[in-house]
Amino acid sequence: MHISLPDSLIPFIDEQMATGRYASPSAYIEALVRNEERHQAETRLLEHVKAGEPLPVDEHFDARLEALLQEAEDSGAPEEMTKEDWERIKQEGLALYHKRQSASG
């Protein structure tokens, strides 16, 4: 595959090379693509989790769990749970359980 970039990006790519993190411009572009691929996978995962779907246990489980933990960490300072919070979580869990039970029929 051959990729063309505008000359205006060359100084920036050269700066990235100067950091020593990348062996070549191709390695830098590869890292960008891999980061975007990881970001999109994490976004898809979060959509599934928010929809109440379980995390599949496969070779990517650790990475997905790490992304969820990072999202929790980035969401701000922890807040103490109230009785009402626990009751809401319980009700949401029961509703999800009943939904899955009726779907499996």
N, C-alpha and C. Protein backbone atom coordinates (compact mmCIF):
# COMPACT_ATOMS: atom_id res chain seq x y z
N MET A 1 0.85 -1.17 0.00
CA MET A 1 0.00 0.00 0.00
C MET A 1 0.90 1.24 0.00
N HIS A 2 0.50 2.21 -0.76
CA HIS A 2 1.24 3.46 -0.83
C HIS A 2 0.31 4.58 -0.40
N ILE A 3 0.80 5.43 0.52
CA ILE A 3 -0.02 6.52 1.02
C ILE A 3 0.71 7.83 0.76
N SER A 4 -0.01 8.79 0.23
CA SER A 4 0.56 10.11 -0.01
C SER A 4 0.02 11.10 1.01
N LEU A 5 0.93 11.91 1.56
CA LEU A 5 0.54 12.93 2.51
C LEU A 5 1.01 14.29 2.00
N PRO A 6 0.33 15.35 2.37
CA PRO A 6 0.77 16.68 1.93
C PRO A 6 2.13 17.04 2.56
N ASP A 7 2.91 17.79 1.82
CA ASP A 7 4.23 18.22 2.31
C ASP A 7 4.13 19.01 3.61
N SER A 8 3.02 19.65 3.85
CA SER A 8 2.86 20.45 5.07
C SER A 8 2.93 19.59 6.34
N LEU A 9 2.72 18.27 6.21
CA LEU A 9 2.78 17.39 7.37
C LEU A 9 4.19 16.86 7.66
N ILE A 10 5.09 17.04 6.73
CA ILE A 10 6.44 16.49 6.89
C ILE A 10 7.14 17.01 8.15
N PRO A 11 7.11 18.32 8.43
CA PRO A 11 7.78 18.78 9.66
C PRO A 11 7.23 18.13 10.92
N PHE A 12 5.92 17.96 10.98
CA PHE A 12 5.33 17.33 12.16
C PHE A 12 5.77 15.88 12.28
N ILE A 13 5.75 15.16 11.17
CA ILE A 13 6.18 13.75 11.20
C ILE A 13 7.66 13.68 11.58
N ASP A 14 8.47 14.60 11.07
CA ASP A 14 9.88 14.64 11.44
C ASP A 14 10.05 14.85 12.95
N GLU A 15 9.20 15.71 13.54
CA GLU A 15 9.24 15.93 14.99
C GLU A 15 8.95 14.64 15.74
N GLN A 16 7.98 13.89 15.24
CA GLN A 16 7.64 12.62 15.89
C GLN A 16 8.79 11.63 15.79
N MET A 17 9.46 11.65 14.66
CA MET A 17 10.63 10.77 14.47
C MET A 17 11.75 11.16 15.44
N ALA A 18 11.93 12.46 15.66
CA ALA A 18 13.00 12.96 16.52
C ALA A 18 12.82 12.53 17.98
N THR A 19 11.59 12.19 18.38
CA THR A 19 11.36 11.74 19.76
C THR A 19 11.98 10.38 20.02
N GLY A 20 12.26 9.64 18.96
CA GLY A 20 12.82 8.31 19.11
C GLY A 20 11.79 7.22 19.34
N ARG A 21 10.54 7.60 19.38
CA ARG A 21 9.48 6.61 19.61
C ARG A 21 9.18 5.77 18.37
N TYR A 22 9.53 6.29 17.22
CA TYR A 22 9.19 5.60 15.97
C TYR A 22 10.45 5.41 15.14
N ALA A 23 10.58 4.23 14.55
CA ALA A 23 11.77 3.92 13.75
C ALA A 23 11.71 4.52 12.36
N SER A 24 10.51 4.83 11.90
CA SER A 24 10.35 5.36 10.54
C SER A 24 9.01 6.09 10.45
N PRO A 25 8.83 6.90 9.39
CA PRO A 25 7.52 7.50 9.19
C PRO A 25 6.41 6.44 9.07
N SER A 26 6.73 5.32 8.45
CA SER A 26 5.73 4.25 8.32
C SER A 26 5.32 3.72 9.69
N ALA A 27 6.28 3.60 10.61
CA ALA A 27 5.98 3.12 11.95
C ALA A 27 5.07 4.10 12.68
N TYR A 28 5.28 5.39 12.45
CA TYR A 28 4.43 6.42 13.07
C TYR A 28 3.00 6.32 12.53
N ILE A 29 2.86 6.21 11.21
CA ILE A 29 1.53 6.09 10.60
C ILE A 29 0.85 4.80 11.07
N GLU A 30 1.62 3.72 11.16
CA GLU A 30 1.06 2.45 11.65
C GLU A 30 0.52 2.63 13.08
N ALA A 31 1.27 3.33 13.93
CA ALA A 31 0.82 3.56 15.31
C ALA A 31 -0.47 4.37 15.31
N LEU A 32 -0.57 5.37 14.45
CA LEU A 32 -1.80 6.16 14.37
C LEU A 32 -3.00 5.30 13.99
N VAL A 33 -2.80 4.44 13.00
CA VAL A 33 -3.89 3.58 12.53
C VAL A 33 -4.28 2.60 13.63
N ARG A 34 -3.29 2.01 14.31
CA ARG A 34 -3.60 1.06 15.39
C ARG A 34 -4.34 1.75 16.54
N ASN A 35 -3.93 2.97 16.87
CA ASN A 35 -4.62 3.72 17.92
C ASN A 35 -6.08 3.99 17.54
N GLU A 36 -6.31 4.35 16.29
CA GLU A 36 -7.69 4.59 15.83
C GLU A 36 -8.49 3.29 15.84
N GLU A 37 -7.85 2.20 15.43
CA GLU A 37 -8.52 0.90 15.45
C GLU A 37 -8.91 0.54 16.88
N ARG A 38 -8.01 0.74 17.84
CA ARG A 38 -8.29 0.46 19.25
C ARG A 38 -9.42 1.36 19.76
N HIS A 39 -9.36 2.63 19.39
CA HIS A 39 -10.39 3.58 19.83
C HIS A 39 -11.77 3.16 19.32
N GLN A 40 -11.86 2.79 18.05
CA GLN A 40 -13.15 2.38 17.50
C GLN A 40 -13.65 1.09 18.15
N ALA A 41 -12.76 0.16 18.45
CA ALA A 41 -13.15 -1.08 19.12
C ALA A 41 -13.67 -0.77 20.52
N GLU A 42 -13.00 0.13 21.23
CA GLU A 42 -13.44 0.52 22.57
C GLU A 42 -14.81 1.20 22.51
N THR A 43 -15.01 2.04 21.50
CA THR A 43 -16.29 2.72 21.35
C THR A 43 -17.41 1.71 21.11
N ARG A 44 -17.16 0.74 20.24
CA ARG A 44 -18.17 -0.30 19.97
C ARG A 44 -18.45 -1.10 21.24
N LEU A 45 -17.40 -1.41 21.98
CA LEU A 45 -17.56 -2.17 23.22
C LEU A 45 -18.43 -1.40 24.20
N LEU A 46 -18.14 -0.13 24.38
CA LEU A 46 -18.92 0.67 25.33
C LEU A 46 -20.38 0.75 24.92
N GLU A 47 -20.65 0.79 23.62
CA GLU A 47 -22.04 0.79 23.16
C GLU A 47 -22.75 -0.50 23.56
N HIS A 48 -22.04 -1.64 23.43
CA HIS A 48 -22.63 -2.92 23.83
C HIS A 48 -22.86 -2.97 25.33
N VAL A 49 -21.89 -2.49 26.09
CA VAL A 49 -22.02 -2.52 27.55
C VAL A 49 -23.17 -1.63 27.99
N LYS A 50 -23.27 -0.45 27.40
CA LYS A 50 -24.37 0.46 27.76
C LYS A 50 -25.73 -0.13 27.39
N ALA A 51 -25.74 -1.03 26.40
CA ALA A 51 -26.99 -1.69 26.01
C ALA A 51 -27.30 -2.89 26.92
N GLY A 52 -26.41 -3.13 27.91
CA GLY A 52 -26.66 -4.21 28.85
C GLY A 52 -26.15 -5.56 28.40
N GLU A 53 -25.33 -5.58 27.36
CA GLU A 53 -24.78 -6.84 26.88
C GLU A 53 -23.53 -7.20 27.68
N PRO A 54 -23.32 -8.46 27.97
CA PRO A 54 -22.13 -8.85 28.74
C PRO A 54 -20.86 -8.76 27.90
N LEU A 55 -19.72 -8.63 28.59
CA LEU A 55 -18.43 -8.66 27.90
C LEU A 55 -18.14 -10.08 27.47
N PRO A 56 -17.89 -10.31 26.19
CA PRO A 56 -17.51 -11.67 25.79
C PRO A 56 -16.10 -11.98 26.31
N VAL A 57 -15.91 -13.17 26.83
CA VAL A 57 -14.60 -13.56 27.33
C VAL A 57 -13.87 -14.22 26.17
N ASP A 58 -12.94 -13.45 25.60
CA ASP A 58 -12.13 -13.93 24.48
C ASP A 58 -10.74 -13.33 24.60
N GLU A 59 -9.97 -13.39 23.54
CA GLU A 59 -8.59 -12.89 23.60
C GLU A 59 -8.51 -11.38 23.78
N HIS A 60 -9.61 -10.66 23.60
CA HIS A 60 -9.62 -9.21 23.75
C HIS A 60 -10.24 -8.75 25.07
N PHE A 61 -10.62 -9.70 25.92
CA PHE A 61 -11.31 -9.37 27.16
C PHE A 61 -10.51 -8.41 28.03
N ASP A 62 -9.22 -8.69 28.22
CA ASP A 62 -8.39 -7.83 29.08
C ASP A 62 -8.35 -6.40 28.58
N ALA A 63 -8.22 -6.22 27.27
CA ALA A 63 -8.16 -4.87 26.71
C ALA A 63 -9.49 -4.15 26.89
N ARG A 64 -10.59 -4.87 26.71
CA ARG A 64 -11.90 -4.25 26.87
C ARG A 64 -12.15 -3.88 28.33
N LEU A 65 -11.78 -4.77 29.23
CA LEU A 65 -11.95 -4.48 30.65
C LEU A 65 -11.10 -3.29 31.05
N GLU A 66 -9.87 -3.22 30.55
CA GLU A 66 -9.00 -2.08 30.84
C GLU A 66 -9.63 -0.78 30.34
N ALA A 67 -10.24 -0.81 29.16
CA ALA A 67 -10.89 0.39 28.61
C ALA A 67 -12.05 0.84 29.50
N LEU A 68 -12.83 -0.12 29.99
CA LEU A 68 -13.94 0.22 30.88
C LEU A 68 -13.45 0.79 32.21
N LEU A 69 -12.39 0.19 32.74
CA LEU A 69 -11.82 0.71 33.98
C LEU A 69 -11.27 2.12 33.80
N GLN A 70 -10.64 2.35 32.65
CA GLN A 70 -10.11 3.68 32.37
C GLN A 70 -11.24 4.70 32.24
N GLU A 71 -12.33 4.29 31.59
CA GLU A 71 -13.49 5.19 31.46
C GLU A 71 -14.02 5.55 32.85
N ALA A 72 -14.09 4.56 33.74
CA ALA A 72 -14.56 4.82 35.10
C ALA A 72 -13.62 5.78 35.81
N GLU A 73 -12.33 5.55 35.66
CA GLU A 73 -11.34 6.43 36.30
C GLU A 73 -11.45 7.86 35.77
N ASP A 74 -11.66 7.99 34.48
CA ASP A 74 -11.73 9.31 33.85
C ASP A 74 -13.05 10.04 34.14
N SER A 75 -14.02 9.33 34.67
CA SER A 75 -15.36 9.93 34.85
C SER A 75 -15.43 10.87 36.04
N GLY A 76 -14.41 10.93 36.85
CA GLY A 76 -14.41 11.87 37.97
C GLY A 76 -14.25 11.19 39.31
N ALA A 77 -14.33 11.99 40.34
CA ALA A 77 -14.15 11.48 41.70
C ALA A 77 -15.28 10.53 42.07
N PRO A 78 -14.96 9.51 42.85
CA PRO A 78 -16.02 8.57 43.25
C PRO A 78 -17.04 9.24 44.15
N GLU A 79 -18.26 8.76 44.05
CA GLU A 79 -19.34 9.27 44.90
C GLU A 79 -19.87 8.11 45.74
N GLU A 80 -20.23 8.41 46.96
CA GLU A 80 -20.76 7.38 47.84
C GLU A 80 -22.13 6.92 47.34
N MET A 81 -22.32 5.61 47.36
CA MET A 81 -23.59 5.03 46.91
C MET A 81 -24.62 5.15 48.02
N THR A 82 -25.84 5.46 47.63
CA THR A 82 -26.95 5.54 48.58
C THR A 82 -27.80 4.28 48.46
N LYS A 83 -28.71 4.11 49.40
CA LYS A 83 -29.65 2.98 49.32
C LYS A 83 -30.44 3.03 48.02
N GLU A 84 -30.80 4.26 47.63
CA GLU A 84 -31.57 4.44 46.39
C GLU A 84 -30.75 4.02 45.17
N ASP A 85 -29.45 4.34 45.17
CA ASP A 85 -28.58 3.93 44.07
C ASP A 85 -28.56 2.41 43.95
N TRP A 86 -28.38 1.72 45.09
CA TRP A 86 -28.33 0.26 45.07
C TRP A 86 -29.66 -0.33 44.63
N GLU A 87 -30.74 0.26 45.05
CA GLU A 87 -32.06 -0.23 44.66
C GLU A 87 -32.27 -0.06 43.15
N ARG A 88 -31.84 1.10 42.61
CA ARG A 88 -31.96 1.34 41.17
C ARG A 88 -31.13 0.31 40.39
N ILE A 89 -29.91 0.05 40.86
CA ILE A 89 -29.06 -0.95 40.19
C ILE A 89 -29.71 -2.32 40.25
N LYS A 90 -30.26 -2.67 41.39
CA LYS A 90 -30.95 -3.95 41.54
C LYS A 90 -32.11 -4.06 40.56
N GLN A 91 -32.93 -2.99 40.47
CA GLN A 91 -34.08 -3.01 39.57
C GLN A 91 -33.65 -3.11 38.11
N GLU A 92 -32.59 -2.38 37.75
CA GLU A 92 -32.09 -2.46 36.37
C GLU A 92 -31.58 -3.87 36.06
N GLY A 93 -30.89 -4.48 37.03
CA GLY A 93 -30.40 -5.84 36.84
C GLY A 93 -31.53 -6.84 36.69
N LEU A 94 -32.54 -6.70 37.53
CA LEU A 94 -33.69 -7.60 37.43
C LEU A 94 -34.42 -7.43 36.11
N ALA A 95 -34.58 -6.19 35.67
CA ALA A 95 -35.25 -5.94 34.39
C ALA A 95 -34.46 -6.57 33.24
N LEU A 96 -33.14 -6.44 33.28
CA LEU A 96 -32.30 -7.04 32.24
C LEU A 96 -32.40 -8.56 32.29
N TYR A 97 -32.38 -9.12 33.49
CA TYR A 97 -32.51 -10.56 33.66
C TYR A 97 -33.84 -11.06 33.08
N HIS A 98 -34.92 -10.40 33.42
CA HIS A 98 -36.24 -10.80 32.93
C HIS A 98 -36.35 -10.66 31.40
N LYS A 99 -35.75 -9.61 30.89
CA LYS A 99 -35.74 -9.41 29.43
C LYS A 99 -35.02 -10.56 28.74
N ARG A 100 -33.88 -10.94 29.28
CA ARG A 100 -33.12 -12.06 28.68
C ARG A 100 -33.85 -13.39 28.84
N GLN A 101 -34.51 -13.58 29.99
CA GLN A 101 -35.26 -14.81 30.20
C GLN A 101 -36.41 -14.94 29.21
N SER A 102 -37.11 -13.83 28.98
CA SER A 102 -38.24 -13.89 28.05
C SER A 102 -37.77 -14.02 26.60
N ALA A 103 -36.57 -13.50 26.31
CA ALA A 103 -36.04 -13.62 24.94
C ALA A 103 -35.58 -15.04 24.66
N SER A 104 -35.10 -15.74 25.69
CA SER A 104 -34.61 -17.11 25.47
C SER A 104 -35.76 -18.12 25.51
N GLY A 105 -36.93 -17.65 25.94
CA GLY A 105 -38.19 -18.30 25.88
C GLY A 105 -38.36 -19.65 26.28
